[in-house]
Amino acid sequence: MNKSTFTKGPWKSEDCTPGESEGLCFAIKSEDTVIARTTDGWNEARANARLIAAAPELFDALKAIYEIDVPDAEWSPTLEKCFGVALDAIAKVEGEK
């Protein structure tokens, strides 16, 4: 797999709607860099911003899951599916899918 080149985490989300206490725009930032903005409507914008902000930690978790050494005796179809999903998601991040 290729090394990821996305902006280093942690990322955070914050309301970026001027003059509003609960906005329709949320910015996802790493230190002072804006990674993305969401403007999908009040509830969706907030939920999407939180999901995007968690991306670096989620990616690290997927890599950690994929690197677990599971003994053959403990292997199951469920574990195989989980490892497959993790590998597919990692490949998308790495630009291989």
C-alpha atoms as a PDB file:
ATOM      1  CA  MET A   1       0.000   0.000   0.000  1.00  0.00           C
ATOM      2  CA  ASN A   2       1.054   3.567  -0.641  1.00  0.00           C
ATOM      3  CA  LYS A   3       1.711   5.979   2.182  1.00  0.00           C
ATOM      4  CA  SER A   4      -1.214   8.300   2.872  1.00  0.00           C
ATOM      5  CA  THR A   5      -0.651  11.944   2.074  1.00  0.00           C
ATOM      6  CA  PHE A   6      -3.751  13.519   3.584  1.00  0.00           C
ATOM      7  CA  THR A   7      -3.485  16.413   6.032  1.00  0.00           C
ATOM      8  CA  LYS A   8      -2.294  15.161   9.395  1.00  0.00           C
ATOM      9  CA  GLY A   9      -4.942  14.917  12.114  1.00  0.00           C
ATOM     10  CA  PRO A  10      -6.439  15.529  14.480  1.00  0.00           C
ATOM     11  CA  TRP A  11      -9.192  17.353  12.645  1.00  0.00           C
ATOM     12  CA  LYS A  12     -12.050  19.236  14.299  1.00  0.00           C
ATOM     13  CA  SER A  13     -15.348  20.627  13.075  1.00  0.00           C
ATOM     14  CA  GLU A  14     -16.686  24.045  13.904  1.00  0.00           C
ATOM     15  CA  ASP A  15     -19.660  26.176  12.934  1.00  0.00           C
ATOM     16  CA  CYS A  16     -18.624  28.649  10.237  1.00  0.00           C
ATOM     17  CA  THR A  17     -21.967  30.343   9.594  1.00  0.00           C
ATOM     18  CA  PRO A  18     -21.455  34.066  10.243  1.00  0.00           C
ATOM     19  CA  GLY A  19     -23.771  35.579  12.837  1.00  0.00           C
ATOM     20  CA  GLU A  20     -25.603  32.343  13.648  1.00  0.00           C
ATOM     21  CA  SER A  21     -25.441  30.363  16.858  1.00  0.00           C
ATOM     22  CA  GLU A  22     -26.409  27.116  15.070  1.00  0.00           C
ATOM     23  CA  GLY A  23     -25.285  27.334  11.482  1.00  0.00           C
ATOM     24  CA  LEU A  24     -25.730  25.595   8.186  1.00  0.00           C
ATOM     25  CA  CYS A  25     -22.012  25.589   7.431  1.00  0.00           C
ATOM     26  CA  PHE A  26     -19.407  23.610   9.321  1.00  0.00           C
ATOM     27  CA  ALA A  27     -15.673  23.744   8.606  1.00  0.00           C
ATOM     28  CA  ILE A  28     -13.374  20.791   9.174  1.00  0.00           C
ATOM     29  CA  LYS A  29      -9.926  22.019  10.201  1.00  0.00           C
ATOM     30  CA  SER A  30      -6.463  20.791  11.056  1.00  0.00           C
ATOM     31  CA  GLU A  31      -4.812  23.492  13.145  1.00  0.00           C
ATOM     32  CA  ASP A  32      -5.389  26.583  10.931  1.00  0.00           C
ATOM     33  CA  THR A  33      -6.034  24.730   7.636  1.00  0.00           C
ATOM     34  CA  VAL A  34      -9.581  24.221   6.384  1.00  0.00           C
ATOM     35  CA  ILE A  35      -9.898  20.655   5.067  1.00  0.00           C
ATOM     36  CA  ALA A  36     -13.519  20.832   3.949  1.00  0.00           C
ATOM     37  CA  ARG A  37     -16.837  22.576   4.497  1.00  0.00           C
ATOM     38  CA  THR A  38     -20.288  21.055   4.769  1.00  0.00           C
ATOM     39  CA  THR A  39     -23.451  22.935   3.822  1.00  0.00           C
ATOM     40  CA  ASP A  40     -26.014  20.155   3.528  1.00  0.00           C
ATOM     41  CA  GLY A  41     -28.674  21.538   5.846  1.00  0.00           C
ATOM     42  CA  TRP A  42     -28.533  21.978   9.593  1.00  0.00           C
ATOM     43  CA  ASN A  43     -28.529  18.372  10.880  1.00  0.00           C
ATOM     44  CA  GLU A  44     -26.745  16.860   7.893  1.00  0.00           C
ATOM     45  CA  ALA A  45     -24.007  19.506   7.837  1.00  0.00           C
ATOM     46  CA  ARG A  46     -23.192  18.927  11.497  1.00  0.00           C
ATOM     47  CA  ALA A  47     -23.258  15.116  11.165  1.00  0.00           C
ATOM     48  CA  ASN A  48     -21.125  15.156   8.000  1.00  0.00           C
ATOM     49  CA  ALA A  49     -18.627  17.532   9.598  1.00  0.00           C
ATOM     50  CA  ARG A  50     -18.234  15.239  12.616  1.00  0.00           C
ATOM     51  CA  LEU A  51     -17.748  12.194  10.393  1.00  0.00           C
ATOM     52  CA  ILE A  52     -15.181  13.948   8.212  1.00  0.00           C
ATOM     53  CA  ALA A  53     -13.347  15.280  11.281  1.00  0.00           C
ATOM     54  CA  ALA A  54     -13.043  11.716  12.610  1.00  0.00           C
ATOM     55  CA  ALA A  55     -11.514  10.445   9.338  1.00  0.00           C
ATOM     56  CA  PRO A  56      -7.847  10.367  10.456  1.00  0.00           C
ATOM     57  CA  GLU A  57      -8.690   8.375  13.598  1.00  0.00           C
ATOM     58  CA  LEU A  58     -11.017   6.056  11.669  1.00  0.00           C
ATOM     59  CA  PHE A  59      -8.271   5.423   9.111  1.00  0.00           C
ATOM     60  CA  ASP A  60      -5.784   4.591  11.880  1.00  0.00           C
ATOM     61  CA  ALA A  61      -8.337   2.214  13.416  1.00  0.00           C
ATOM     62  CA  LEU A  62      -8.856   0.421  10.091  1.00  0.00           C
ATOM     63  CA  LYS A  63      -5.115  -0.016   9.644  1.00  0.00           C
ATOM     64  CA  ALA A  64      -4.817  -1.360  13.206  1.00  0.00           C
ATOM     65  CA  ILE A  65      -7.657  -3.835  12.580  1.00  0.00           C
ATOM     66  CA  TYR A  66      -6.080  -5.014   9.347  1.00  0.00           C
ATOM     67  CA  GLU A  67      -2.748  -5.611  11.088  1.00  0.00           C
ATOM     68  CA  ILE A  68      -4.218  -7.887  13.789  1.00  0.00           C
ATOM     69  CA  ASP A  69      -2.767 -11.389  13.601  1.00  0.00           C
ATOM     70  CA  VAL A  70      -5.710 -13.740  14.034  1.00  0.00           C
ATOM     71  CA  PRO A  71      -4.900 -17.421  14.580  1.00  0.00           C
ATOM     72  CA  ASP A  72      -6.495 -19.766  12.024  1.00  0.00           C
ATOM     73  CA  ALA A  73      -8.534 -21.424  14.780  1.00  0.00           C
ATOM     74  CA  GLU A  74     -10.266 -18.102  15.497  1.00  0.00           C
ATOM     75  CA  TRP A  75     -10.885 -17.125  11.860  1.00  0.00           C
ATOM     76  CA  SER A  76     -14.544 -16.828  10.876  1.00  0.00           C
ATOM     77  CA  PRO A  77     -16.617 -15.550   7.954  1.00  0.00           C
ATOM     78  CA  THR A  78     -17.473 -12.475  10.041  1.00  0.00           C
ATOM     79  CA  LEU A  79     -13.792 -11.683  10.659  1.00  0.00           C
ATOM     80  CA  GLU A  80     -13.037 -12.263   6.987  1.00  0.00           C
ATOM     81  CA  LYS A  81     -15.749  -9.784   6.039  1.00  0.00           C
ATOM     82  CA  CYS A  82     -14.462  -7.192   8.547  1.00  0.00           C
ATOM     83  CA  PHE A  83     -10.910  -7.526   7.287  1.00  0.00           C
ATOM     84  CA  GLY A  84     -12.141  -7.230   3.695  1.00  0.00           C
ATOM     85  CA  VAL A  85     -14.083  -4.047   4.442  1.00  0.00           C
ATOM     86  CA  ALA A  86     -11.068  -2.581   6.257  1.00  0.00           C
ATOM     87  CA  LEU A  87      -8.738  -3.459   3.383  1.00  0.00           C
ATOM     88  CA  ASP A  88     -11.102  -1.980   0.782  1.00  0.00           C
ATOM     89  CA  ALA A  89     -11.432   1.273   2.744  1.00  0.00           C
ATOM     90  CA  ILE A  90      -7.648   1.518   3.210  1.00  0.00           C
ATOM     91  CA  ALA A  91      -7.146   0.968  -0.525  1.00  0.00           C
ATOM     92  CA  LYS A  92      -9.565   3.839  -1.292  1.00  0.00           C
ATOM     93  CA  VAL A  93      -7.674   6.178   1.013  1.00  0.00           C
ATOM     94  CA  GLU A  94      -4.367   5.087  -0.510  1.00  0.00           C
ATOM     95  CA  GLY A  95      -5.702   5.747  -4.030  1.00  0.00           C
ATOM     96  CA  GLU A  96      -5.645   2.093  -5.068  1.00  0.00           C
ATOM     97  CA  LYS A  97      -9.411   1.845  -5.721  1.00  0.00           C
END
